[in-house]
């Protein structure tokens, strides 16, 4: 009976350890982040605003091509995210992805963090599939 209790205790400790490791390293897909998102709808769009607190109009809309919008959506869809407790206020962009509904978010490109406005949750992009280089491209294209 004593061996059974020790064995059961060890098994329980292993199970709890594995659960904690799994929970700590949990990653999320874009579909996990954006509830009920349908990335296969027609006429999906991205609205992008550059944030500049040194100007009177803090949000300036960036004109980006349909092609770049679709590239951003595809890149976002393929990205992998990790929940983070970091609450940044150093946002570069306000982006809204419009699929079957709108998904607004603030983006801190320096720290690769986004905050979903619908849930106020923060996520770090851990595999961005060129998402930030596409944002940079969109910024350059809108200035030309």
C-alpha atoms as a PDB file:
ATOM      1  CA  UNK A   1       0.000   0.000   0.000  1.00  0.00           C
ATOM      2  CA  UNK A   2       2.893   2.321   0.780  1.00  0.00           C
ATOM      3  CA  UNK A   3       4.455   1.710  -2.682  1.00  0.00           C
ATOM      4  CA  UNK A   4       1.091   2.440  -4.285  1.00  0.00           C
ATOM      5  CA  UNK A   5       0.831   5.830  -2.502  1.00  0.00           C
ATOM      6  CA  UNK A   6       4.391   6.763  -3.476  1.00  0.00           C
ATOM      7  CA  UNK A   7       3.808   5.691  -7.084  1.00  0.00           C
ATOM      8  CA  UNK A   8       0.541   7.611  -7.243  1.00  0.00           C
ATOM      9  CA  UNK A   9       2.200  10.721  -5.783  1.00  0.00           C
ATOM     10  CA  UNK A  10       5.015  10.550  -8.329  1.00  0.00           C
ATOM     11  CA  UNK A  11       2.571  10.044 -11.198  1.00  0.00           C
ATOM     12  CA  UNK A  12       0.507  13.008 -10.039  1.00  0.00           C
ATOM     13  CA  UNK A  13       3.641  15.181  -9.772  1.00  0.00           C
ATOM     14  CA  UNK A  14       4.668  14.263 -13.326  1.00  0.00           C
ATOM     15  CA  UNK A  15       1.190  15.006 -14.699  1.00  0.00           C
ATOM     16  CA  UNK A  16       1.053  18.406 -12.966  1.00  0.00           C
ATOM     17  CA  UNK A  17       4.559  19.277 -14.201  1.00  0.00           C
ATOM     18  CA  UNK A  18       3.681  18.418 -17.798  1.00  0.00           C
ATOM     19  CA  UNK A  19       0.467  20.450 -17.572  1.00  0.00           C
ATOM     20  CA  UNK A  20       2.343  23.504 -16.252  1.00  0.00           C
ATOM     21  CA  UNK A  21       4.991  23.290 -18.959  1.00  0.00           C
ATOM     22  CA  UNK A  22       2.343  22.900 -21.656  1.00  0.00           C
ATOM     23  CA  UNK A  23       0.244  25.760 -20.287  1.00  0.00           C
ATOM     24  CA  UNK A  24       3.270  28.059 -19.996  1.00  0.00           C
ATOM     25  CA  UNK A  25       4.388  27.482 -23.590  1.00  0.00           C
ATOM     26  CA  UNK A  26       0.922  27.502 -25.129  1.00  0.00           C
ATOM     27  CA  UNK A  27       0.770  29.171 -28.493  1.00  0.00           C
ATOM     28  CA  UNK A  28      -2.245  30.485 -30.344  1.00  0.00           C
ATOM     29  CA  UNK A  29      -3.206  30.753 -33.987  1.00  0.00           C
ATOM     30  CA  UNK A  30      -4.955  33.737 -35.559  1.00  0.00           C
ATOM     31  CA  UNK A  31      -8.234  31.813 -35.442  1.00  0.00           C
ATOM     32  CA  UNK A  32      -7.745  31.324 -31.681  1.00  0.00           C
ATOM     33  CA  UNK A  33      -7.259  35.086 -31.235  1.00  0.00           C
ATOM     34  CA  UNK A  34     -10.052  36.302 -33.490  1.00  0.00           C
ATOM     35  CA  UNK A  35     -13.232  34.615 -32.338  1.00  0.00           C
ATOM     36  CA  UNK A  36     -15.349  33.219 -35.169  1.00  0.00           C
ATOM     37  CA  UNK A  37     -12.923  34.577 -37.781  1.00  0.00           C
ATOM     38  CA  UNK A  38     -13.481  33.340 -41.302  1.00  0.00           C
ATOM     39  CA  UNK A  39     -10.348  34.030 -43.330  1.00  0.00           C
ATOM     40  CA  UNK A  40     -11.997  32.687 -46.487  1.00  0.00           C
ATOM     41  CA  UNK A  41     -14.587  35.433 -46.981  1.00  0.00           C
ATOM     42  CA  UNK A  42     -14.590  37.534 -50.118  1.00  0.00           C
ATOM     43  CA  UNK A  43     -13.619  41.206 -49.901  1.00  0.00           C
ATOM     44  CA  UNK A  44     -11.532  40.927 -46.734  1.00  0.00           C
ATOM     45  CA  UNK A  45      -9.728  44.194 -46.007  1.00  0.00           C
ATOM     46  CA  UNK A  46      -7.188  45.793 -43.718  1.00  0.00           C
ATOM     47  CA  UNK A  47      -7.477  49.353 -42.479  1.00  0.00           C
ATOM     48  CA  UNK A  48      -4.213  50.668 -41.116  1.00  0.00           C
ATOM     49  CA  UNK A  49      -3.543  53.864 -39.179  1.00  0.00           C
ATOM     50  CA  UNK A  50      -0.100  55.074 -38.211  1.00  0.00           C
ATOM     51  CA  UNK A  51       0.049  56.423 -34.662  1.00  0.00           C
ATOM     52  CA  UNK A  52       2.076  59.581 -34.084  1.00  0.00           C
ATOM     53  CA  UNK A  53       1.533  61.269 -30.731  1.00  0.00           C
ATOM     54  CA  UNK A  54       3.618  64.269 -31.826  1.00  0.00           C
ATOM     55  CA  UNK A  55       0.971  65.427 -34.291  1.00  0.00           C
ATOM     56  CA  UNK A  56      -2.432  66.996 -33.754  1.00  0.00           C
ATOM     57  CA  UNK A  57      -4.188  64.140 -35.539  1.00  0.00           C
ATOM     58  CA  UNK A  58      -2.694  61.146 -33.725  1.00  0.00           C
ATOM     59  CA  UNK A  59      -4.133  58.571 -36.153  1.00  0.00           C
ATOM     60  CA  UNK A  60      -3.286  59.006 -39.822  1.00  0.00           C
ATOM     61  CA  UNK A  61      -4.819  56.515 -42.213  1.00  0.00           C
ATOM     62  CA  UNK A  62      -2.395  54.769 -44.503  1.00  0.00           C
ATOM     63  CA  UNK A  63      -3.433  54.013 -48.059  1.00  0.00           C
ATOM     64  CA  UNK A  64      -2.356  50.484 -48.849  1.00  0.00           C
ATOM     65  CA  UNK A  65      -2.992  48.467 -51.972  1.00  0.00           C
ATOM     66  CA  UNK A  66      -5.451  45.577 -52.078  1.00  0.00           C
ATOM     67  CA  UNK A  67      -2.531  43.264 -52.790  1.00  0.00           C
ATOM     68  CA  UNK A  68      -0.667  44.376 -49.655  1.00  0.00           C
ATOM     69  CA  UNK A  69      -3.878  44.088 -47.620  1.00  0.00           C
ATOM     70  CA  UNK A  70      -4.287  40.477 -48.724  1.00  0.00           C
ATOM     71  CA  UNK A  71      -0.630  39.737 -47.975  1.00  0.00           C
ATOM     72  CA  UNK A  72      -1.073  41.175 -44.467  1.00  0.00           C
ATOM     73  CA  UNK A  73      -4.177  39.056 -43.890  1.00  0.00           C
ATOM     74  CA  UNK A  74      -2.450  35.879 -45.102  1.00  0.00           C
ATOM     75  CA  UNK A  75       0.614  36.593 -43.001  1.00  0.00           C
ATOM     76  CA  UNK A  76      -1.527  37.270 -39.926  1.00  0.00           C
ATOM     77  CA  UNK A  77      -3.481  34.066 -40.536  1.00  0.00           C
ATOM     78  CA  UNK A  78      -0.254  32.021 -40.605  1.00  0.00           C
ATOM     79  CA  UNK A  79       1.308  33.725 -37.572  1.00  0.00           C
ATOM     80  CA  UNK A  80       1.686  32.140 -34.168  1.00  0.00           C
ATOM     81  CA  UNK A  81       1.060  34.075 -30.961  1.00  0.00           C
ATOM     82  CA  UNK A  82       1.791  33.768 -27.269  1.00  0.00           C
ATOM     83  CA  UNK A  83      -0.295  35.427 -24.586  1.00  0.00           C
ATOM     84  CA  UNK A  84       1.677  38.026 -22.677  1.00  0.00           C
ATOM     85  CA  UNK A  85       1.112  40.089 -19.579  1.00  0.00           C
ATOM     86  CA  UNK A  86       3.091  42.983 -21.040  1.00  0.00           C
ATOM     87  CA  UNK A  87       0.879  46.042 -21.374  1.00  0.00           C
ATOM     88  CA  UNK A  88       2.612  48.419 -23.720  1.00  0.00           C
ATOM     89  CA  UNK A  89       1.495  51.909 -24.676  1.00  0.00           C
ATOM     90  CA  UNK A  90       4.120  52.401 -27.340  1.00  0.00           C
ATOM     91  CA  UNK A  91       1.862  51.536 -30.273  1.00  0.00           C
ATOM     92  CA  UNK A  92       2.901  52.192 -33.867  1.00  0.00           C
ATOM     93  CA  UNK A  93      -0.306  51.164 -35.592  1.00  0.00           C
ATOM     94  CA  UNK A  94      -4.014  50.723 -35.159  1.00  0.00           C
ATOM     95  CA  UNK A  95      -5.135  47.996 -37.524  1.00  0.00           C
ATOM     96  CA  UNK A  96      -8.551  46.596 -38.286  1.00  0.00           C
ATOM     97  CA  UNK A  97      -8.834  43.315 -40.133  1.00  0.00           C
ATOM     98  CA  UNK A  98     -12.295  43.029 -41.674  1.00  0.00           C
ATOM     99  CA  UNK A  99     -13.335  39.493 -42.467  1.00  0.00           C
ATOM    100  CA  UNK A 100     -16.805  38.267 -41.553  1.00  0.00           C
ATOM    101  CA  UNK A 101     -16.630  40.956 -38.831  1.00  0.00           C
ATOM    102  CA  UNK A 102     -14.104  43.623 -37.835  1.00  0.00           C
ATOM    103  CA  UNK A 103     -11.167  42.849 -35.569  1.00  0.00           C
ATOM    104  CA  UNK A 104      -9.484  46.054 -34.333  1.00  0.00           C
ATOM    105  CA  UNK A 105      -6.102  45.978 -32.602  1.00  0.00           C
ATOM    106  CA  UNK A 106      -3.171  48.136 -31.568  1.00  0.00           C
ATOM    107  CA  UNK A 107       0.290  47.016 -32.674  1.00  0.00           C
ATOM    108  CA  UNK A 108       3.679  47.682 -31.080  1.00  0.00           C
ATOM    109  CA  UNK A 109       6.068  46.693 -33.872  1.00  0.00           C
ATOM    110  CA  UNK A 110       9.205  47.179 -31.774  1.00  0.00           C
ATOM    111  CA  UNK A 111       8.169  44.571 -29.204  1.00  0.00           C
ATOM    112  CA  UNK A 112       6.040  42.528 -31.649  1.00  0.00           C
ATOM    113  CA  UNK A 113       2.994  42.854 -29.424  1.00  0.00           C
ATOM    114  CA  UNK A 114      -0.609  43.369 -30.365  1.00  0.00           C
ATOM    115  CA  UNK A 115      -3.573  44.187 -28.176  1.00  0.00           C
ATOM    116  CA  UNK A 116      -6.980  43.067 -29.335  1.00  0.00           C
ATOM    117  CA  UNK A 117      -9.466  45.843 -28.653  1.00  0.00           C
ATOM    118  CA  UNK A 118     -12.459  43.473 -28.441  1.00  0.00           C
ATOM    119  CA  UNK A 119     -10.967  41.541 -25.519  1.00  0.00           C
ATOM    120  CA  UNK A 120      -8.151  43.853 -24.308  1.00  0.00           C
ATOM    121  CA  UNK A 121      -5.766  40.885 -24.346  1.00  0.00           C
ATOM    122  CA  UNK A 122      -2.090  41.220 -25.266  1.00  0.00           C
ATOM    123  CA  UNK A 123      -0.268  38.773 -27.510  1.00  0.00           C
ATOM    124  CA  UNK A 124       3.299  38.516 -28.696  1.00  0.00           C
ATOM    125  CA  UNK A 125       3.958  37.336 -32.234  1.00  0.00           C
ATOM    126  CA  UNK A 126       6.397  34.468 -31.951  1.00  0.00           C
ATOM    127  CA  UNK A 127       6.290  33.337 -35.607  1.00  0.00           C
ATOM    128  CA  UNK A 128       5.196  36.295 -37.687  1.00  0.00           C
ATOM    129  CA  UNK A 129       5.573  34.948 -41.258  1.00  0.00           C
ATOM    130  CA  UNK A 130       6.858  38.336 -42.499  1.00  0.00           C
ATOM    131  CA  UNK A 131       3.981  40.249 -40.901  1.00  0.00           C
ATOM    132  CA  UNK A 132       6.158  43.104 -39.635  1.00  0.00           C
ATOM    133  CA  UNK A 133       8.114  43.417 -42.863  1.00  0.00           C
ATOM    134  CA  UNK A 134       4.747  43.692 -44.666  1.00  0.00           C
ATOM    135  CA  UNK A 135       3.710  46.441 -42.227  1.00  0.00           C
ATOM    136  CA  UNK A 136       6.940  48.268 -43.028  1.00  0.00           C
ATOM    137  CA  UNK A 137       6.257  47.813 -46.756  1.00  0.00           C
ATOM    138  CA  UNK A 138       2.722  49.183 -46.287  1.00  0.00           C
ATOM    139  CA  UNK A 139       4.156  52.215 -44.483  1.00  0.00           C
ATOM    140  CA  UNK A 140       6.623  52.876 -47.290  1.00  0.00           C
ATOM    141  CA  UNK A 141       3.962  52.385 -49.989  1.00  0.00           C
ATOM    142  CA  UNK A 142       1.575  54.806 -48.297  1.00  0.00           C
ATOM    143  CA  UNK A 143       4.232  57.534 -48.175  1.00  0.00           C
ATOM    144  CA  UNK A 144       4.871  57.325 -51.914  1.00  0.00           C
END
